[in-house]
């Protein structure tokens, strides 16, 4: 697996997506977006796995 240039990690903040909705929102750091060629309004598929008693989130961009 290639290493993203975020040796110290990256911190984002979770906020409400809308005032009436049931969803939360966070920001994808620009370094990650650039490395994986993510574009605005691109859809992402989220899968959660448990490894070594830790939550691992796998995000796969949809291609059109």
PDB file of N, CA and C in Angstrom:
ATOM      1  N   UNK A   1       0.859  -1.179   0.000  1.00  0.00           N
ATOM      2  CA  UNK A   1       0.000   0.000   0.000  1.00  0.00           C
ATOM      3  C   UNK A   1       0.902   1.238   0.000  1.00  0.00           C
ATOM      4  N   UNK A   2       0.610   2.203  -0.850  1.00  0.00           N
ATOM      5  CA  UNK A   2       1.398   3.431  -0.872  1.00  0.00           C
ATOM      6  C   UNK A   2       1.016   4.303   0.319  1.00  0.00           C
ATOM      7  N   UNK A   3       1.977   5.052   0.791  1.00  0.00           N
ATOM      8  CA  UNK A   3       1.766   5.912   1.956  1.00  0.00           C
ATOM      9  C   UNK A   3       1.454   7.318   1.493  1.00  0.00           C
ATOM     10  N   UNK A   4       0.397   7.871   2.032  1.00  0.00           N
ATOM     11  CA  UNK A   4       0.023   9.247   1.743  1.00  0.00           C
ATOM     12  C   UNK A   4       0.944  10.137   2.556  1.00  0.00           C
ATOM     13  N   UNK A   5       1.354  11.266   2.034  1.00  0.00           N
ATOM     14  CA  UNK A   5       2.281  12.149   2.719  1.00  0.00           C
ATOM     15  C   UNK A   5       1.667  12.846   3.927  1.00  0.00           C
ATOM     16  N   UNK A   6       1.111  12.089   4.836  1.00  0.00           N
ATOM     17  CA  UNK A   6       0.493  12.651   6.036  1.00  0.00           C
ATOM     18  C   UNK A   6       1.083  11.972   7.258  1.00  0.00           C
ATOM     19  N   UNK A   7       2.401  12.055   7.426  1.00  0.00           N
ATOM     20  CA  UNK A   7       3.081  11.354   8.495  1.00  0.00           C
ATOM     21  C   UNK A   7       2.505  11.672   9.866  1.00  0.00           C
ATOM     22  N   UNK A   8       2.086  12.903  10.078  1.00  0.00           N
ATOM     23  CA  UNK A   8       1.536  13.303  11.370  1.00  0.00           C
ATOM     24  C   UNK A   8       0.034  13.083  11.421  1.00  0.00           C
ATOM     25  N   UNK A   9      -0.536  12.542  10.358  1.00  0.00           N
ATOM     26  CA  UNK A   9      -1.978  12.349  10.321  1.00  0.00           C
ATOM     27  C   UNK A   9      -2.685  13.598   9.853  1.00  0.00           C
ATOM     28  N   UNK A  10      -3.955  13.504   9.763  1.00  0.00           N
ATOM     29  CA  UNK A  10      -4.789  14.620   9.318  1.00  0.00           C
ATOM     30  C   UNK A  10      -6.019  14.629  10.199  1.00  0.00           C
ATOM     31  N   UNK A  11      -6.437  15.795  10.622  1.00  0.00           N
ATOM     32  CA  UNK A  11      -7.593  15.915  11.503  1.00  0.00           C
ATOM     33  C   UNK A  11      -8.693  16.666  10.771  1.00  0.00           C
ATOM     34  N   UNK A  12      -9.904  16.104  10.798  1.00  0.00           N
ATOM     35  CA  UNK A  12     -11.068  16.793  10.261  1.00  0.00           C
ATOM     36  C   UNK A  12     -12.131  16.835  11.346  1.00  0.00           C
ATOM     37  N   UNK A  13     -13.122  17.671  11.161  1.00  0.00           N
ATOM     38  CA  UNK A  13     -14.194  17.837  12.140  1.00  0.00           C
ATOM     39  C   UNK A  13     -15.502  17.363  11.528  1.00  0.00           C
ATOM     40  N   UNK A  14     -16.269  16.606  12.288  1.00  0.00           N
ATOM     41  CA  UNK A  14     -17.574  16.134  11.832  1.00  0.00           C
ATOM     42  C   UNK A  14     -18.618  17.179  12.192  1.00  0.00           C
ATOM     43  N   UNK A  15     -19.449  17.552  11.210  1.00  0.00           N
ATOM     44  CA  UNK A  15     -20.522  18.526  11.422  1.00  0.00           C
ATOM     45  C   UNK A  15     -21.829  17.960  10.881  1.00  0.00           C
ATOM     46  N   UNK A  16     -22.940  18.598  11.229  1.00  0.00           N
ATOM     47  CA  UNK A  16     -24.237  18.188  10.691  1.00  0.00           C
ATOM     48  C   UNK A  16     -24.287  18.543   9.203  1.00  0.00           C
ATOM     49  N   UNK A  17     -24.823  17.633   8.392  1.00  0.00           N
ATOM     50  CA  UNK A  17     -24.938  17.888   6.959  1.00  0.00           C
ATOM     51  C   UNK A  17     -25.992  18.959   6.687  1.00  0.00           C
ATOM     52  N   UNK A  18     -27.131  18.857   7.376  1.00  0.00           N
ATOM     53  CA  UNK A  18     -28.189  19.861   7.282  1.00  0.00           C
ATOM     54  C   UNK A  18     -28.820  19.988   8.660  1.00  0.00           C
ATOM     55  N   UNK A  19     -29.552  21.048   8.875  1.00  0.00           N
ATOM     56  CA  UNK A  19     -30.172  21.248  10.182  1.00  0.00           C
ATOM     57  C   UNK A  19     -31.295  20.255  10.454  1.00  0.00           C
ATOM     58  N   UNK A  20     -31.899  19.683   9.401  1.00  0.00           N
ATOM     59  CA  UNK A  20     -33.017  18.758   9.576  1.00  0.00           C
ATOM     60  C   UNK A  20     -32.646  17.306   9.273  1.00  0.00           C
ATOM     61  N   UNK A  21     -31.461  17.094   8.739  1.00  0.00           N
ATOM     62  CA  UNK A  21     -31.100  15.761   8.288  1.00  0.00           C
ATOM     63  C   UNK A  21     -30.565  14.856   9.377  1.00  0.00           C
ATOM     64  N   UNK A  22     -30.373  13.621   9.008  1.00  0.00           N
ATOM     65  CA  UNK A  22     -29.850  12.601   9.902  1.00  0.00           C
ATOM     66  C   UNK A  22     -28.394  12.260   9.566  1.00  0.00           C
ATOM     67  N   UNK A  23     -27.773  13.024   8.695  1.00  0.00           N
ATOM     68  CA  UNK A  23     -26.421  12.720   8.247  1.00  0.00           C
ATOM     69  C   UNK A  23     -25.400  13.655   8.865  1.00  0.00           C
ATOM     70  N   UNK A  24     -24.176  13.164   8.910  1.00  0.00           N
ATOM     71  CA  UNK A  24     -23.042  13.976   9.334  1.00  0.00           C
ATOM     72  C   UNK A  24     -22.132  14.177   8.140  1.00  0.00           C
ATOM     73  N   UNK A  25     -21.261  15.174   8.234  1.00  0.00           N
ATOM     74  CA  UNK A  25     -20.374  15.530   7.126  1.00  0.00           C
ATOM     75  C   UNK A  25     -18.975  15.787   7.672  1.00  0.00           C
ATOM     76  N   UNK A  26     -17.974  15.436   6.888  1.00  0.00           N
ATOM     77  CA  UNK A  26     -16.595  15.787   7.207  1.00  0.00           C
ATOM     78  C   UNK A  26     -15.908  16.191   5.908  1.00  0.00           C
ATOM     79  N   UNK A  27     -14.699  16.686   6.015  1.00  0.00           N
ATOM     80  CA  UNK A  27     -13.948  17.164   4.858  1.00  0.00           C
ATOM     81  C   UNK A  27     -12.867  16.160   4.498  1.00  0.00           C
ATOM     82  N   UNK A  28     -12.701  15.896   3.224  1.00  0.00           N
ATOM     83  CA  UNK A  28     -11.591  15.067   2.763  1.00  0.00           C
ATOM     84  C   UNK A  28     -10.401  15.994   2.561  1.00  0.00           C
ATOM     85  N   UNK A  29      -9.287  15.742   3.241  1.00  0.00           N
ATOM     86  CA  UNK A  29      -8.106  16.595   3.059  1.00  0.00           C
ATOM     87  C   UNK A  29      -7.679  16.643   1.591  1.00  0.00           C
ATOM     88  N   UNK A  30      -7.248  17.799   1.125  1.00  0.00           N
ATOM     89  CA  UNK A  30      -6.901  18.002  -0.282  1.00  0.00           C
ATOM     90  C   UNK A  30      -5.799  17.046  -0.745  1.00  0.00           C
ATOM     91  N   UNK A  31      -4.843  16.736   0.119  1.00  0.00           N
ATOM     92  CA  UNK A  31      -3.777  15.806  -0.261  1.00  0.00           C
ATOM     93  C   UNK A  31      -4.319  14.433  -0.624  1.00  0.00           C
ATOM     94  N   UNK A  32      -5.320  13.969   0.118  1.00  0.00           N
ATOM     95  CA  UNK A  32      -5.948  12.681  -0.167  1.00  0.00           C
ATOM     96  C   UNK A  32      -6.760  12.777  -1.453  1.00  0.00           C
ATOM     97  N   UNK A  33      -7.523  13.850  -1.611  1.00  0.00           N
ATOM     98  CA  UNK A  33      -8.328  14.038  -2.821  1.00  0.00           C
ATOM     99  C   UNK A  33      -7.440  14.054  -4.071  1.00  0.00           C
ATOM    100  N   UNK A  34      -6.313  14.759  -4.000  1.00  0.00           N
ATOM    101  CA  UNK A  34      -5.415  14.830  -5.154  1.00  0.00           C
ATOM    102  C   UNK A  34      -4.770  13.490  -5.440  1.00  0.00           C
ATOM    103  N   UNK A  35      -4.302  12.793  -4.385  1.00  0.00           N
ATOM    104  CA  UNK A  35      -3.625  11.519  -4.598  1.00  0.00           C
ATOM    105  C   UNK A  35      -4.524  10.502  -5.290  1.00  0.00           C
ATOM    106  N   UNK A  36      -5.814  10.514  -4.959  1.00  0.00           N
ATOM    107  CA  UNK A  36      -6.728   9.529  -5.516  1.00  0.00           C
ATOM    108  C   UNK A  36      -7.607  10.087  -6.630  1.00  0.00           C
ATOM    109  N   UNK A  37      -7.347  11.320  -7.059  1.00  0.00           N
ATOM    110  CA  UNK A  37      -8.058  11.907  -8.188  1.00  0.00           C
ATOM    111  C   UNK A  37      -9.539  12.134  -7.916  1.00  0.00           C
ATOM    112  N   UNK A  38      -9.894  12.445  -6.670  1.00  0.00           N
ATOM    113  CA  UNK A  38     -11.294  12.676  -6.324  1.00  0.00           C
ATOM    114  C   UNK A  38     -11.734  14.046  -6.797  1.00  0.00           C
ATOM    115  N   UNK A  39     -12.944  14.128  -7.283  1.00  0.00           N
ATOM    116  CA  UNK A  39     -13.491  15.381  -7.810  1.00  0.00           C
ATOM    117  C   UNK A  39     -14.740  15.782  -7.042  1.00  0.00           C
ATOM    118  N   UNK A  40     -15.055  17.066  -7.080  1.00  0.00           N
ATOM    119  CA  UNK A  40     -16.265  17.574  -6.444  1.00  0.00           C
ATOM    120  C   UNK A  40     -17.494  16.843  -6.977  1.00  0.00           C
ATOM    121  N   UNK A  41     -18.406  16.512  -6.098  1.00  0.00           N
ATOM    122  CA  UNK A  41     -19.672  15.838  -6.398  1.00  0.00           C
ATOM    123  C   UNK A  41     -19.509  14.372  -6.803  1.00  0.00           C
ATOM    124  N   UNK A  42     -18.289  13.846  -6.758  1.00  0.00           N
ATOM    125  CA  UNK A  42     -18.085  12.430  -7.044  1.00  0.00           C
ATOM    126  C   UNK A  42     -18.679  11.615  -5.897  1.00  0.00           C
ATOM    127  N   UNK A  43     -19.300  10.499  -6.229  1.00  0.00           N
ATOM    128  CA  UNK A  43     -19.917   9.649  -5.213  1.00  0.00           C
ATOM    129  C   UNK A  43     -18.871   8.682  -4.661  1.00  0.00           C
ATOM    130  N   UNK A  44     -18.947   8.432  -3.343  1.00  0.00           N
ATOM    131  CA  UNK A  44     -18.033   7.515  -2.678  1.00  0.00           C
ATOM    132  C   UNK A  44     -18.832   6.408  -2.002  1.00  0.00           C
ATOM    133  N   UNK A  45     -18.364   5.174  -2.123  1.00  0.00           N
ATOM    134  CA  UNK A  45     -18.959   4.040  -1.425  1.00  0.00           C
ATOM    135  C   UNK A  45     -18.139   3.775  -0.161  1.00  0.00           C
ATOM    136  N   UNK A  46     -18.823   3.671   0.987  1.00  0.00           N
ATOM    137  CA  UNK A  46     -18.173   3.486   2.286  1.00  0.00           C
ATOM    138  C   UNK A  46     -18.466   2.077   2.803  1.00  0.00           C
ATOM    139  N   UNK A  47     -17.414   1.364   3.212  1.00  0.00           N
ATOM    140  CA  UNK A  47     -17.531   0.045   3.814  1.00  0.00           C
ATOM    141  C   UNK A  47     -16.762   0.064   5.127  1.00  0.00           C
ATOM    142  N   UNK A  48     -17.328  -0.552   6.153  1.00  0.00           N
ATOM    143  CA  UNK A  48     -16.661  -0.595   7.457  1.00  0.00           C
ATOM    144  C   UNK A  48     -16.212  -2.018   7.732  1.00  0.00           C
ATOM    145  N   UNK A  49     -14.951  -2.160   8.127  1.00  0.00           N
ATOM    146  CA  UNK A  49     -14.386  -3.448   8.508  1.00  0.00           C
ATOM    147  C   UNK A  49     -13.816  -3.314   9.917  1.00  0.00           C
ATOM    148  N   UNK A  50     -13.723  -4.423  10.635  1.00  0.00           N
ATOM    149  CA  UNK A  50     -13.089  -4.418  11.950  1.00  0.00           C
ATOM    150  C   UNK A  50     -11.829  -5.260  11.856  1.00  0.00           C
ATOM    151  N   UNK A  51     -10.688  -4.636  12.178  1.00  0.00           N
ATOM    152  CA  UNK A  51      -9.391  -5.312  12.171  1.00  0.00           C
ATOM    153  C   UNK A  51      -8.674  -4.961  13.462  1.00  0.00           C
ATOM    154  N   UNK A  52      -8.203  -5.974  14.177  1.00  0.00           N
ATOM    155  CA  UNK A  52      -7.493  -5.773  15.442  1.00  0.00           C
ATOM    156  C   UNK A  52      -8.288  -4.888  16.389  1.00  0.00           C
ATOM    157  N   UNK A  53      -9.595  -5.110  16.435  1.00  0.00           N
ATOM    158  CA  UNK A  53     -10.504  -4.370  17.317  1.00  0.00           C
ATOM    159  C   UNK A  53     -10.548  -2.871  17.010  1.00  0.00           C
ATOM    160  N   UNK A  54     -10.250  -2.506  15.763  1.00  0.00           N
ATOM    161  CA  UNK A  54     -10.319  -1.108  15.323  1.00  0.00           C
ATOM    162  C   UNK A  54     -11.239  -1.016  14.116  1.00  0.00           C
ATOM    163  N   UNK A  55     -11.928   0.094  14.006  1.00  0.00           N
ATOM    164  CA  UNK A  55     -12.793   0.338  12.863  1.00  0.00           C
ATOM    165  C   UNK A  55     -11.939   0.824  11.692  1.00  0.00           C
ATOM    166  N   UNK A  56     -12.047   0.135  10.564  1.00  0.00           N
ATOM    167  CA  UNK A  56     -11.328   0.519   9.350  1.00  0.00           C
ATOM    168  C   UNK A  56     -12.381   0.871   8.314  1.00  0.00           C
ATOM    169  N   UNK A  57     -12.331   2.084   7.819  1.00  0.00           N
ATOM    170  CA  UNK A  57     -13.301   2.538   6.826  1.00  0.00           C
ATOM    171  C   UNK A  57     -12.636   2.492   5.455  1.00  0.00           C
ATOM    172  N   UNK A  58     -13.241   1.739   4.550  1.00  0.00           N
ATOM    173  CA  UNK A  58     -12.730   1.627   3.188  1.00  0.00           C
ATOM    174  C   UNK A  58     -13.638   2.463   2.298  1.00  0.00           C
ATOM    175  N   UNK A  59     -13.045   3.424   1.610  1.00  0.00           N
ATOM    176  CA  UNK A  59     -13.805   4.326   0.736  1.00  0.00           C
ATOM    177  C   UNK A  59     -13.387   4.050  -0.699  1.00  0.00           C
ATOM    178  N   UNK A  60     -14.384   3.743  -1.535  1.00  0.00           N
ATOM    179  CA  UNK A  60     -14.121   3.443  -2.934  1.00  0.00           C
ATOM    180  C   UNK A  60     -14.898   4.445  -3.804  1.00  0.00           C
ATOM    181  N   UNK A  61     -14.181   5.229  -4.613  1.00  0.00           N
ATOM    182  CA  UNK A  61     -14.884   6.177  -5.482  1.00  0.00           C
ATOM    183  C   UNK A  61     -15.636   5.452  -6.590  1.00  0.00           C
ATOM    184  N   UNK A  62     -16.841   5.929  -6.883  1.00  0.00           N
ATOM    185  CA  UNK A  62     -17.581   5.406  -8.029  1.00  0.00           C
ATOM    186  C   UNK A  62     -16.990   6.005  -9.288  1.00  0.00           C
ATOM    187  N   UNK A  63     -16.895   5.184 -10.302  1.00  0.00           N
ATOM    188  CA  UNK A  63     -16.407   5.683 -11.597  1.00  0.00           C
ATOM    189  C   UNK A  63     -17.590   5.709 -12.547  1.00  0.00           C
ATOM    190  N   UNK A  64     -17.612   6.707 -13.411  1.00  0.00           N
ATOM    191  CA  UNK A  64     -18.719   6.836 -14.355  1.00  0.00           C
ATOM    192  C   UNK A  64     -18.272   6.576 -15.762  1.00  0.00           C
TER     193      UNK A  64
END
